[in-house]
Amino acid sequence: MPRHSSPETRARAVRLYRMQIDGDDRSETQRFAAVAAQIGVSRETVRNWVRQAEIDEGLREGVPTAAQQRIAELEDRCAELETTVEILKAAASFFAREYDPQPKRSTGSSVSTTNGSESYRSAER
């Protein structure tokens, strides 16, 4: 079975599980296993689907599916905007250097002082 099952398959698994609850003496784990065998997925997958359906219906505490999807969309958008900001910073820096009105300075090892005989550091003392 594919990694991502269709919503119809999930709904069918939840419906099958709920139909088995009434008058069934088996444990919850055994009911999950029975539904999993019918659908062709793992027992844990069915358990997760049933739990998420309970959350979506307000029967259990947790984050509903719609909210999870919205959070994922917002996180993707945030990452995209962060990348855009980095690109714009780099472009701004490039153009600032390119169009700097001040002439380029020499790349000498020390800055000259007034009398020219001392280094920059000794002139500060």
Protein backbone atom coordinates (compact mmCIF):
# COMPACT_ATOMS: atom_id res chain seq x y z
CA MET A 1 0.00 0.00 0.00
CA PRO A 2 1.32 3.51 -0.74
CA ARG A 3 2.84 5.53 2.05
CA HIS A 4 0.04 8.10 1.92
CA SER A 5 -3.40 6.53 1.83
CA SER A 6 -6.41 8.28 0.41
CA PRO A 7 -8.86 10.02 2.75
CA GLU A 8 -11.47 7.47 1.66
CA THR A 9 -9.27 4.60 2.85
CA ARG A 10 -8.73 6.33 6.18
CA ALA A 11 -12.45 6.99 6.61
CA ARG A 12 -13.22 3.38 5.74
CA ALA A 13 -10.73 2.11 8.33
CA VAL A 14 -12.21 4.35 11.03
CA ARG A 15 -15.74 3.26 10.10
CA LEU A 16 -14.76 -0.45 10.20
CA TYR A 17 -13.10 -0.01 13.57
CA ARG A 18 -16.14 1.75 15.03
CA MET A 19 -18.47 -0.95 13.70
CA GLN A 20 -16.41 -3.57 15.56
CA ILE A 21 -16.67 -1.83 18.94
CA ASP A 22 -20.31 -2.65 19.56
CA GLY A 23 -20.64 -6.08 21.20
CA ASP A 24 -17.03 -7.07 20.54
CA ASP A 25 -15.14 -8.68 23.40
CA ARG A 26 -11.73 -8.34 21.74
CA SER A 27 -9.17 -5.85 23.00
CA GLU A 28 -8.66 -2.53 21.30
CA THR A 29 -5.36 -3.79 19.89
CA GLN A 30 -7.02 -6.86 18.40
CA ARG A 31 -9.71 -4.72 16.77
CA PHE A 32 -7.03 -2.45 15.28
CA ALA A 33 -5.22 -5.53 13.96
CA ALA A 34 -8.40 -6.94 12.41
CA VAL A 35 -9.16 -3.70 10.56
CA ALA A 36 -5.51 -3.37 9.50
CA ALA A 37 -5.62 -6.85 7.96
CA GLN A 38 -8.78 -5.94 6.01
CA ILE A 39 -7.37 -2.64 4.73
CA GLY A 40 -3.81 -3.79 4.15
CA VAL A 41 -1.98 -1.40 6.48
CA SER A 42 -0.29 -1.78 9.86
CA ARG A 43 -2.18 -1.94 13.12
CA GLU A 44 -0.44 1.24 14.30
CA THR A 45 -1.57 3.08 11.18
CA VAL A 46 -5.20 2.23 11.90
CA ARG A 47 -4.76 3.27 15.54
CA ASN A 48 -3.33 6.63 14.43
CA TRP A 49 -6.18 7.19 11.97
CA VAL A 50 -8.81 6.41 14.61
CA ARG A 51 -7.13 8.71 17.16
CA GLN A 52 -6.86 11.54 14.63
CA ALA A 53 -10.53 11.10 13.67
CA GLU A 54 -11.45 11.40 17.36
CA ILE A 55 -9.38 14.61 17.61
CA ASP A 56 -10.98 16.04 14.45
CA GLU A 57 -14.44 15.29 15.87
CA GLY A 58 -13.61 16.92 19.21
CA LEU A 59 -13.79 13.67 21.17
CA ARG A 60 -10.12 13.75 22.14
CA GLU A 61 -7.56 16.48 22.96
CA GLY A 62 -5.08 17.33 20.21
CA VAL A 63 -4.44 19.37 17.08
CA PRO A 64 -7.05 18.82 14.35
CA THR A 65 -5.94 17.83 10.85
CA ALA A 66 -6.98 21.17 9.35
CA ALA A 67 -4.85 23.04 11.89
CA GLN A 68 -1.89 20.72 11.23
CA GLN A 69 -2.15 21.41 7.52
CA ARG A 70 -2.34 25.17 8.08
CA ILE A 71 0.70 25.07 10.38
CA ALA A 72 2.68 23.13 7.76
CA GLU A 73 1.70 25.67 5.07
CA LEU A 74 2.75 28.57 7.28
CA GLU A 75 6.08 26.92 8.13
CA ASP A 76 6.77 26.42 4.41
CA ARG A 77 5.87 30.04 3.70
CA CYS A 78 8.10 31.24 6.55
CA ALA A 79 11.06 29.26 5.19
CA GLU A 80 10.44 30.72 1.74
CA LEU A 81 10.34 34.26 3.13
CA GLU A 82 13.53 33.71 5.13
CA THR A 83 15.28 32.61 1.94
CA THR A 84 13.96 35.68 0.12
CA VAL A 85 15.23 37.97 2.89
CA GLU A 86 18.72 36.42 2.68
CA ILE A 87 18.77 36.91 -1.10
CA LEU A 88 17.66 40.53 -0.75
CA LYS A 89 20.31 41.20 1.90
CA ALA A 90 23.01 39.81 -0.38
CA ALA A 91 21.72 41.89 -3.31
CA ALA A 92 21.58 45.05 -1.20
CA SER A 93 25.14 44.47 -0.01
CA PHE A 94 26.33 43.88 -3.57
CA PHE A 95 24.74 47.04 -4.93
CA ALA A 96 25.90 49.11 -1.95
CA ARG A 97 29.51 48.12 -2.71
CA GLU A 98 29.06 48.57 -6.44
CA TYR A 99 27.67 52.09 -6.22
CA ASP A 100 29.65 53.36 -3.22
CA PRO A 101 30.49 57.04 -3.93
CA GLN A 102 33.70 56.90 -1.86
CA PRO A 103 36.84 55.90 -3.76
CA LYS A 104 38.44 52.57 -3.05
CA ARG A 105 41.06 52.71 -0.32
CA SER A 106 44.49 51.18 -0.62
CA THR A 107 44.98 47.84 1.03
CA GLY A 108 48.11 48.86 2.99
CA SER A 109 48.87 47.17 6.29
CA SER A 110 48.70 50.30 8.42
CA VAL A 111 46.97 53.65 8.36
CA SER A 112 49.34 56.58 8.05
CA THR A 113 49.54 59.05 10.92
CA THR A 114 50.20 62.75 10.88
CA ASN A 115 53.99 62.56 10.92
CA GLY A 116 54.17 59.27 9.04
CA SER A 117 56.77 57.71 11.34
CA GLU A 118 54.54 55.85 13.76
CA SER A 119 52.16 53.00 13.23
CA TYR A 120 48.46 53.51 13.80
CA ARG A 121 48.51 51.57 17.09
CA SER A 122 51.41 53.45 18.62
CA ALA A 123 49.80 56.77 17.64
CA GLU A 124 46.72 55.88 19.73
CA ARG A 125 48.73 55.42 22.96
